[in-house]
């Protein structure tokens, strides 16, 4: 593969790993998802330029790979933050004030749902239910669960994540 490929988020070591993944899977049926998933695990997301690069390596059209990457929620074509904030919008959380928590995060960090802060500290996502209704309203940061979340507490909690 082309070692001249450059992208600000992809180091030469990352590219070497991606080339190995492409080479290992090149002639395997259904390799697209495997190569995309493993490449995303290395880079953190799938920039369009990387999708084009992978398509050449797998000898698959860019549009086909782009279709796969945009169809499955597993894939992201935008950079993700170091810390992922998940806000539960389920009924119990909504009734108990999660909307105000979400607004506080959005106002403080200037991000909306499905966005990442410019410094890539946080990505903000919403989910329909986290299965922790007894703790409502609930927020999860990475793997840490925070129940009884309030707009007064949320910024103190997020300050722990650098």
N, C-alpha and C. Protein backbone atom coordinates (compact mmCIF):
# COMPACT_ATOMS: atom_id res chain seq x y z
N UNK A 1 0.84 -1.20 0.00
CA UNK A 1 0.00 0.00 0.00
C UNK A 1 0.88 1.25 0.00
N UNK A 2 0.26 2.35 -0.25
CA UNK A 2 0.95 3.62 -0.41
C UNK A 2 1.41 4.18 0.93
N UNK A 3 2.68 4.19 1.15
CA UNK A 3 3.23 4.73 2.39
C UNK A 3 3.23 6.27 2.39
N UNK A 4 2.85 6.88 1.26
CA UNK A 4 2.79 8.34 1.17
C UNK A 4 1.50 8.90 1.75
N UNK A 5 0.56 8.03 2.10
CA UNK A 5 -0.70 8.46 2.68
C UNK A 5 -0.43 9.25 3.95
N UNK A 6 -1.07 10.41 4.06
CA UNK A 6 -0.92 11.23 5.26
C UNK A 6 -2.26 11.78 5.69
N UNK A 7 -2.47 11.78 6.98
CA UNK A 7 -3.65 12.37 7.60
C UNK A 7 -3.22 12.84 8.98
N UNK A 8 -3.67 14.01 9.40
CA UNK A 8 -3.19 14.55 10.69
C UNK A 8 -3.48 13.65 11.90
N UNK A 9 -4.48 12.80 11.82
CA UNK A 9 -4.81 11.94 12.94
C UNK A 9 -4.23 10.53 12.83
N UNK A 10 -3.50 10.26 11.76
CA UNK A 10 -2.99 8.91 11.52
C UNK A 10 -1.47 8.93 11.43
N UNK A 11 -0.84 8.30 12.40
CA UNK A 11 0.62 8.22 12.41
C UNK A 11 1.08 7.12 11.46
N UNK A 12 2.36 7.11 11.17
CA UNK A 12 2.92 6.06 10.31
C UNK A 12 2.79 4.69 10.97
N UNK A 13 2.91 4.63 12.30
CA UNK A 13 2.72 3.36 13.01
C UNK A 13 1.28 2.86 12.86
N UNK A 14 0.33 3.78 12.95
CA UNK A 14 -1.07 3.40 12.76
C UNK A 14 -1.28 2.87 11.35
N UNK A 15 -0.70 3.58 10.39
CA UNK A 15 -0.84 3.19 8.99
C UNK A 15 -0.24 1.80 8.74
N UNK A 16 0.86 1.53 9.40
CA UNK A 16 1.49 0.21 9.27
C UNK A 16 0.53 -0.87 9.78
N UNK A 17 -0.11 -0.63 10.92
CA UNK A 17 -1.08 -1.59 11.46
C UNK A 17 -2.26 -1.77 10.51
N UNK A 18 -2.74 -0.68 9.97
CA UNK A 18 -3.87 -0.73 9.04
C UNK A 18 -3.49 -1.51 7.79
N UNK A 19 -2.28 -1.29 7.28
CA UNK A 19 -1.81 -2.05 6.11
C UNK A 19 -1.77 -3.55 6.41
N UNK A 20 -1.35 -3.91 7.61
CA UNK A 20 -1.32 -5.32 8.00
C UNK A 20 -2.74 -5.91 8.04
N UNK A 21 -3.67 -5.14 8.55
CA UNK A 21 -5.07 -5.58 8.62
C UNK A 21 -5.63 -5.77 7.22
N UNK A 22 -5.35 -4.82 6.34
CA UNK A 22 -5.82 -4.92 4.95
C UNK A 22 -5.20 -6.14 4.29
N UNK A 23 -3.90 -6.31 4.45
CA UNK A 23 -3.20 -7.44 3.84
C UNK A 23 -3.74 -8.78 4.34
N UNK A 24 -3.97 -8.89 5.63
CA UNK A 24 -4.47 -10.13 6.23
C UNK A 24 -5.88 -10.47 5.74
N UNK A 25 -6.69 -9.46 5.50
CA UNK A 25 -8.10 -9.69 5.19
C UNK A 25 -8.47 -9.50 3.72
N UNK A 26 -7.51 -9.09 2.90
CA UNK A 26 -7.76 -8.68 1.52
C UNK A 26 -8.59 -9.68 0.71
N UNK A 27 -8.29 -10.94 0.82
CA UNK A 27 -8.97 -11.94 -0.01
C UNK A 27 -10.04 -12.72 0.72
N UNK A 28 -10.44 -12.24 1.89
CA UNK A 28 -11.47 -12.92 2.67
C UNK A 28 -12.84 -12.35 2.34
N UNK A 29 -13.80 -13.24 2.26
CA UNK A 29 -15.18 -12.82 2.02
C UNK A 29 -15.68 -12.01 3.22
N UNK A 30 -16.34 -10.91 2.94
CA UNK A 30 -16.91 -10.08 4.02
C UNK A 30 -15.86 -9.34 4.84
N UNK A 31 -14.71 -9.09 4.27
CA UNK A 31 -13.62 -8.45 5.00
C UNK A 31 -13.87 -6.98 5.32
N UNK A 32 -14.78 -6.36 4.61
CA UNK A 32 -14.99 -4.91 4.75
C UNK A 32 -15.25 -4.49 6.19
N UNK A 33 -16.20 -5.15 6.84
CA UNK A 33 -16.56 -4.76 8.20
C UNK A 33 -15.40 -4.99 9.15
N UNK A 34 -14.72 -6.11 9.00
CA UNK A 34 -13.58 -6.42 9.86
C UNK A 34 -12.48 -5.36 9.71
N UNK A 35 -12.15 -5.02 8.48
CA UNK A 35 -11.08 -4.03 8.24
C UNK A 35 -11.51 -2.65 8.75
N UNK A 36 -12.75 -2.26 8.49
CA UNK A 36 -13.23 -0.96 8.98
C UNK A 36 -13.21 -0.92 10.51
N UNK A 37 -13.71 -1.98 11.14
CA UNK A 37 -13.77 -2.03 12.61
C UNK A 37 -12.37 -1.95 13.21
N UNK A 38 -11.46 -2.76 12.71
CA UNK A 38 -10.10 -2.76 13.25
C UNK A 38 -9.38 -1.44 12.98
N UNK A 39 -9.61 -0.86 11.83
CA UNK A 39 -9.00 0.44 11.51
C UNK A 39 -9.55 1.53 12.43
N UNK A 40 -10.85 1.49 12.68
CA UNK A 40 -11.45 2.46 13.59
C UNK A 40 -10.89 2.28 15.01
N UNK A 41 -10.66 1.05 15.42
CA UNK A 41 -10.08 0.81 16.74
C UNK A 41 -8.69 1.43 16.85
N UNK A 42 -7.97 1.47 15.77
CA UNK A 42 -6.62 2.05 15.77
C UNK A 42 -6.67 3.58 15.78
N UNK A 43 -7.48 4.15 14.89
CA UNK A 43 -7.51 5.60 14.71
C UNK A 43 -8.49 6.30 15.64
N UNK A 44 -9.57 5.60 16.00
CA UNK A 44 -10.60 6.19 16.85
C UNK A 44 -11.84 6.58 16.08
N UNK A 45 -11.71 6.68 14.76
CA UNK A 45 -12.82 6.98 13.87
C UNK A 45 -12.36 6.68 12.45
N UNK A 46 -13.27 6.85 11.49
CA UNK A 46 -12.94 6.56 10.09
C UNK A 46 -13.02 7.82 9.23
N UNK A 47 -11.92 8.55 9.12
CA UNK A 47 -11.94 9.71 8.22
C UNK A 47 -12.20 9.24 6.78
N UNK A 48 -12.82 10.09 6.00
CA UNK A 48 -13.16 9.76 4.61
C UNK A 48 -11.91 9.34 3.84
N UNK A 49 -10.80 10.02 4.09
CA UNK A 49 -9.56 9.70 3.39
C UNK A 49 -9.09 8.27 3.71
N UNK A 50 -9.34 7.83 4.94
CA UNK A 50 -8.97 6.47 5.33
C UNK A 50 -9.89 5.45 4.65
N UNK A 51 -11.15 5.78 4.53
CA UNK A 51 -12.09 4.89 3.83
C UNK A 51 -11.64 4.72 2.38
N UNK A 52 -11.23 5.82 1.75
CA UNK A 52 -10.71 5.75 0.37
C UNK A 52 -9.46 4.88 0.31
N UNK A 53 -8.58 5.04 1.27
CA UNK A 53 -7.33 4.28 1.32
C UNK A 53 -7.62 2.78 1.47
N UNK A 54 -8.53 2.45 2.38
CA UNK A 54 -8.90 1.06 2.61
C UNK A 54 -9.56 0.47 1.36
N UNK A 55 -10.39 1.26 0.69
CA UNK A 55 -11.07 0.76 -0.51
C UNK A 55 -10.07 0.35 -1.58
N UNK A 56 -9.01 1.14 -1.73
CA UNK A 56 -7.97 0.79 -2.71
C UNK A 56 -7.27 -0.50 -2.29
N UNK A 57 -6.98 -0.62 -1.00
CA UNK A 57 -6.30 -1.81 -0.50
C UNK A 57 -7.12 -3.08 -0.64
N UNK A 58 -8.43 -2.95 -0.46
CA UNK A 58 -9.32 -4.12 -0.57
C UNK A 58 -9.86 -4.30 -1.98
N UNK A 59 -9.56 -3.33 -2.86
CA UNK A 59 -10.08 -3.34 -4.22
C UNK A 59 -11.62 -3.37 -4.23
N UNK A 60 -12.18 -2.50 -3.40
CA UNK A 60 -13.64 -2.33 -3.28
C UNK A 60 -13.90 -0.85 -3.51
N UNK A 61 -15.04 -0.53 -4.08
CA UNK A 61 -15.32 0.89 -4.33
C UNK A 61 -15.47 1.66 -3.02
N UNK A 62 -15.03 2.91 -3.06
CA UNK A 62 -15.15 3.78 -1.91
C UNK A 62 -16.61 3.94 -1.50
N UNK A 63 -17.50 4.02 -2.48
CA UNK A 63 -18.92 4.21 -2.16
C UNK A 63 -19.49 3.02 -1.41
N UNK A 64 -19.03 1.82 -1.73
CA UNK A 64 -19.49 0.63 -1.02
C UNK A 64 -19.03 0.67 0.44
N UNK A 65 -17.76 0.99 0.66
CA UNK A 65 -17.24 1.08 2.02
C UNK A 65 -17.90 2.22 2.79
N UNK A 66 -18.09 3.35 2.13
CA UNK A 66 -18.75 4.48 2.77
C UNK A 66 -20.17 4.09 3.17
N UNK A 67 -20.86 3.34 2.31
CA UNK A 67 -22.21 2.86 2.62
C UNK A 67 -22.24 1.99 3.86
N UNK A 68 -21.25 1.12 3.99
CA UNK A 68 -21.16 0.26 5.17
C UNK A 68 -20.88 1.11 6.42
N UNK A 69 -19.90 2.01 6.30
CA UNK A 69 -19.50 2.82 7.45
C UNK A 69 -20.61 3.76 7.91
N UNK A 70 -21.42 4.22 6.97
CA UNK A 70 -22.50 5.15 7.35
C UNK A 70 -23.76 4.41 7.80
N UNK A 71 -23.91 3.15 7.41
CA UNK A 71 -25.10 2.38 7.77
C UNK A 71 -25.04 1.87 9.22
N UNK A 72 -23.93 1.31 9.60
CA UNK A 72 -23.82 0.69 10.92
C UNK A 72 -23.44 1.72 11.98
N UNK A 73 -24.20 1.73 13.08
CA UNK A 73 -23.94 2.70 14.16
C UNK A 73 -22.62 2.43 14.87
N UNK A 74 -22.06 1.27 14.68
CA UNK A 74 -20.76 0.92 15.24
C UNK A 74 -19.66 1.86 14.73
N UNK A 75 -19.83 2.35 13.51
CA UNK A 75 -18.79 3.16 12.88
C UNK A 75 -19.06 4.65 13.05
N UNK A 76 -17.97 5.40 13.18
CA UNK A 76 -18.07 6.85 13.26
C UNK A 76 -17.08 7.46 12.27
N UNK A 77 -17.56 8.42 11.51
CA UNK A 77 -16.69 9.11 10.57
C UNK A 77 -16.27 10.48 11.09
N UNK A 78 -16.63 10.74 12.33
CA UNK A 78 -16.18 11.97 12.98
C UNK A 78 -15.32 11.59 14.19
N UNK A 79 -14.34 12.42 14.53
CA UNK A 79 -13.47 12.10 15.66
C UNK A 79 -14.27 11.97 16.95
N UNK A 80 -13.87 11.06 17.78
CA UNK A 80 -14.50 10.86 19.08
C UNK A 80 -13.60 11.46 20.15
N UNK A 81 -14.23 11.88 21.22
CA UNK A 81 -13.47 12.43 22.34
C UNK A 81 -12.82 11.33 23.17
N UNK A 82 -11.87 11.74 23.97
CA UNK A 82 -11.20 10.81 24.87
C UNK A 82 -12.20 10.21 25.85
N UNK A 83 -13.21 10.99 26.22
CA UNK A 83 -14.24 10.55 27.15
C UNK A 83 -15.60 10.67 26.48
N UNK A 84 -16.39 9.61 26.58
CA UNK A 84 -17.72 9.62 25.99
C UNK A 84 -18.76 9.78 27.09
N UNK A 85 -19.57 10.82 26.94
CA UNK A 85 -20.67 11.07 27.86
C UNK A 85 -21.93 10.53 27.22
N UNK A 86 -22.62 9.64 27.94
CA UNK A 86 -23.90 9.11 27.45
C UNK A 86 -24.99 9.58 28.40
N UNK A 87 -25.97 10.24 27.83
CA UNK A 87 -27.09 10.76 28.59
C UNK A 87 -28.32 9.91 28.30
N UNK A 88 -28.98 9.42 29.36
CA UNK A 88 -30.18 8.61 29.19
C UNK A 88 -31.39 9.51 28.99
N UNK A 89 -32.10 9.28 27.91
CA UNK A 89 -33.32 10.05 27.63
C UNK A 89 -34.58 9.22 27.85
N UNK A 90 -34.43 8.11 28.58
CA UNK A 90 -35.59 7.29 28.91
C UNK A 90 -36.60 8.07 29.74
N UNK A 91 -37.80 7.55 29.86
CA UNK A 91 -38.90 8.25 30.55
C UNK A 91 -38.54 8.65 31.97
N UNK A 92 -38.02 7.72 32.76
CA UNK A 92 -37.69 8.02 34.16
C UNK A 92 -36.66 9.14 34.25
N UNK A 93 -35.63 9.08 33.43
CA UNK A 93 -34.58 10.10 33.45
C UNK A 93 -35.11 11.45 32.96
N UNK A 94 -35.94 11.40 31.94
CA UNK A 94 -36.49 12.63 31.39
C UNK A 94 -37.36 13.34 32.42
N UNK A 95 -38.23 12.57 33.07
CA UNK A 95 -39.14 13.14 34.07
C UNK A 95 -38.36 13.72 35.25
N UNK A 96 -37.23 13.11 35.57
CA UNK A 96 -36.46 13.56 36.73
C UNK A 96 -35.40 14.62 36.40
N UNK A 97 -35.40 15.15 35.17
CA UNK A 97 -34.58 16.32 34.89
C UNK A 97 -33.32 16.14 34.07
N UNK A 98 -33.20 15.06 33.31
CA UNK A 98 -31.99 14.87 32.52
C UNK A 98 -31.83 15.94 31.43
N UNK A 99 -32.94 16.52 30.99
CA UNK A 99 -32.88 17.56 29.96
C UNK A 99 -32.02 18.74 30.44
N UNK A 100 -32.18 19.12 31.69
CA UNK A 100 -31.40 20.23 32.24
C UNK A 100 -29.92 19.86 32.34
N UNK A 101 -29.63 18.60 32.65
CA UNK A 101 -28.24 18.13 32.70
C UNK A 101 -27.62 18.26 31.32
N UNK A 102 -28.35 17.79 30.32
CA UNK A 102 -27.88 17.85 28.93
C UNK A 102 -27.64 19.30 28.50
N UNK A 103 -28.55 20.19 28.85
CA UNK A 103 -28.39 21.61 28.50
C UNK A 103 -27.16 22.21 29.17
N UNK A 104 -26.89 21.81 30.39
CA UNK A 104 -25.72 22.33 31.11
C UNK A 104 -24.44 21.88 30.42
N UNK A 105 -24.39 20.62 30.02
CA UNK A 105 -23.22 20.10 29.31
C UNK A 105 -23.05 20.84 27.98
N UNK A 106 -24.15 20.96 27.25
CA UNK A 106 -24.10 21.63 25.94
C UNK A 106 -23.63 23.07 26.06
N UNK A 107 -24.12 23.78 27.05
CA UNK A 107 -23.73 25.18 27.24
C UNK A 107 -22.28 25.32 27.69
N UNK A 108 -21.84 24.47 28.59
CA UNK A 108 -20.48 24.55 29.12
C UNK A 108 -19.43 24.18 28.07
N UNK A 109 -19.69 23.09 27.35
CA UNK A 109 -18.68 22.57 26.43
C UNK A 109 -18.96 22.88 24.96
N UNK A 110 -20.02 23.61 24.71
CA UNK A 110 -20.38 24.04 23.34
C UNK A 110 -20.51 22.86 22.38
N UNK A 111 -21.16 21.79 22.84
CA UNK A 111 -21.41 20.63 22.00
C UNK A 111 -22.86 20.21 22.13
N UNK A 112 -23.34 19.59 21.08
CA UNK A 112 -24.68 19.03 21.06
C UNK A 112 -24.55 17.52 20.89
N UNK A 113 -25.67 16.85 20.92
CA UNK A 113 -25.70 15.41 20.74
C UNK A 113 -24.94 15.02 19.47
N UNK A 114 -24.15 13.97 19.57
CA UNK A 114 -23.34 13.41 18.47
C UNK A 114 -22.16 14.30 18.09
N UNK A 115 -21.80 15.23 18.96
CA UNK A 115 -20.66 16.11 18.67
C UNK A 115 -19.51 15.83 19.64
N UNK A 116 -18.35 16.34 19.27
CA UNK A 116 -17.14 16.20 20.08
C UNK A 116 -16.55 17.58 20.30
N UNK A 117 -16.04 17.81 21.49
CA UNK A 117 -15.41 19.10 21.77
C UNK A 117 -14.18 19.27 20.87
N UNK A 118 -13.86 20.51 20.50
CA UNK A 118 -12.71 20.74 19.60
C UNK A 118 -11.40 20.15 20.13
N UNK A 119 -11.24 20.10 21.46
CA UNK A 119 -10.02 19.53 22.03
C UNK A 119 -10.11 18.01 22.19
N UNK A 120 -11.21 17.44 21.75
CA UNK A 120 -11.49 16.00 21.80
C UNK A 120 -11.48 15.43 23.22
N UNK A 121 -11.82 16.27 24.15
CA UNK A 121 -11.93 15.81 25.53
C UNK A 121 -13.21 14.99 25.73
N UNK A 122 -14.32 15.47 25.14
CA UNK A 122 -15.61 14.80 25.32
C UNK A 122 -16.34 14.60 24.00
N UNK A 123 -17.06 13.49 23.92
CA UNK A 123 -18.08 13.27 22.90
C UNK A 123 -19.38 13.11 23.66
N UNK A 124 -20.45 13.64 23.10
CA UNK A 124 -21.76 13.60 23.77
C UNK A 124 -22.72 12.75 22.97
N UNK A 125 -23.28 11.75 23.62
CA UNK A 125 -24.24 10.85 22.99
C UNK A 125 -25.48 10.74 23.87
N UNK A 126 -26.58 10.39 23.25
CA UNK A 126 -27.79 10.09 24.02
C UNK A 126 -28.19 8.65 23.73
N UNK A 127 -28.82 8.05 24.71
CA UNK A 127 -29.35 6.70 24.57
C UNK A 127 -30.79 6.71 25.05
N UNK A 128 -31.56 5.76 24.58
CA UNK A 128 -32.98 5.69 24.96
C UNK A 128 -33.17 5.12 26.35
N UNK A 129 -32.29 4.22 26.77
CA UNK A 129 -32.40 3.66 28.12
C UNK A 129 -31.09 3.01 28.48
N UNK A 130 -30.66 3.24 29.72
CA UNK A 130 -29.44 2.61 30.22
C UNK A 130 -29.75 1.44 31.15
N UNK A 131 -31.04 1.21 31.40
CA UNK A 131 -31.42 0.10 32.27
C UNK A 131 -31.14 0.37 33.73
N UNK A 132 -31.05 1.61 34.12
CA UNK A 132 -30.78 1.97 35.51
C UNK A 132 -31.82 2.97 35.99
N UNK A 133 -33.08 2.68 35.71
CA UNK A 133 -34.17 3.63 35.98
C UNK A 133 -34.27 3.99 37.47
N UNK A 134 -33.90 3.08 38.33
CA UNK A 134 -33.94 3.36 39.77
C UNK A 134 -32.94 4.43 40.20
N UNK A 135 -31.94 4.70 39.35
CA UNK A 135 -30.93 5.72 39.63
C UNK A 135 -31.22 7.04 38.93
N UNK A 136 -32.33 7.13 38.24
CA UNK A 136 -32.64 8.28 37.38
C UNK A 136 -32.54 9.61 38.12
N UNK A 137 -32.11 10.64 37.37
CA UNK A 137 -31.58 10.61 36.00
C UNK A 137 -30.13 10.11 35.96
N UNK A 138 -29.80 9.42 34.89
CA UNK A 138 -28.52 8.72 34.80
C UNK A 138 -27.66 9.27 33.65
N UNK A 139 -26.36 9.35 33.95
CA UNK A 139 -25.35 9.73 32.97
C UNK A 139 -24.22 8.71 33.11
N UNK A 140 -23.65 8.32 31.98
CA UNK A 140 -22.49 7.43 31.99
C UNK A 140 -21.35 8.15 31.30
N UNK A 141 -20.18 8.16 31.94
CA UNK A 141 -18.98 8.71 31.33
C UNK A 141 -18.01 7.53 31.20
N UNK A 142 -17.70 7.20 29.95
CA UNK A 142 -16.91 6.01 29.64
C UNK A 142 -17.64 4.80 30.23
N UNK A 143 -17.14 4.20 31.30
CA UNK A 143 -17.81 3.07 31.94
C UNK A 143 -18.35 3.43 33.32
N UNK A 144 -18.22 4.69 33.72
CA UNK A 144 -18.64 5.11 35.06
C UNK A 144 -20.09 5.60 35.04
N UNK A 145 -20.91 5.04 35.93
CA UNK A 145 -22.33 5.37 35.98
C UNK A 145 -22.57 6.37 37.10
N UNK A 146 -23.31 7.42 36.77
CA UNK A 146 -23.66 8.45 37.75
C UNK A 146 -25.17 8.58 37.81
N UNK A 147 -25.72 8.21 38.97
CA UNK A 147 -27.15 8.31 39.18
C UNK A 147 -27.50 9.59 39.91
N UNK A 148 -28.81 9.86 39.94
CA UNK A 148 -29.33 11.07 40.59
C UNK A 148 -28.58 12.30 40.11
N UNK A 149 -28.27 12.33 38.82
CA UNK A 149 -27.49 13.43 38.24
C UNK A 149 -28.34 14.69 38.20
N UNK A 150 -27.69 15.80 38.45
CA UNK A 150 -28.39 17.09 38.40
C UNK A 150 -27.53 18.08 37.62
N UNK A 151 -28.17 19.13 37.18
CA UNK A 151 -27.43 20.15 36.43
C UNK A 151 -26.43 20.86 37.36
N UNK A 152 -26.68 20.84 38.66
CA UNK A 152 -25.74 21.44 39.61
C UNK A 152 -24.49 20.58 39.80
N UNK A 153 -24.63 19.26 39.70
CA UNK A 153 -23.51 18.32 39.94
C UNK A 153 -22.71 17.98 38.70
N UNK A 154 -23.32 18.08 37.54
CA UNK A 154 -22.72 17.50 36.33
C UNK A 154 -21.34 18.06 35.99
N UNK A 155 -21.14 19.35 36.14
CA UNK A 155 -19.84 19.93 35.78
C UNK A 155 -18.73 19.48 36.73
N UNK A 156 -19.08 19.32 38.02
CA UNK A 156 -18.10 18.80 38.98
C UNK A 156 -17.69 17.37 38.62
N UNK A 157 -18.65 16.57 38.21
CA UNK A 157 -18.37 15.20 37.79
C UNK A 157 -17.46 15.21 36.57
N UNK A 158 -17.80 16.01 35.57
CA UNK A 158 -17.02 16.02 34.32
C UNK A 158 -15.62 16.60 34.50
N UNK A 159 -15.43 17.43 35.51
CA UNK A 159 -14.10 17.99 35.78
C UNK A 159 -13.09 16.90 36.14
N UNK A 160 -13.56 15.74 36.55
CA UNK A 160 -12.68 14.62 36.91
C UNK A 160 -12.04 13.98 35.69
N UNK A 161 -12.59 14.26 34.51
CA UNK A 161 -12.14 13.62 33.27
C UNK A 161 -11.33 14.61 32.45
N UNK A 162 -10.07 14.31 32.26
CA UNK A 162 -9.18 15.20 31.52
C UNK A 162 -8.93 14.72 30.12
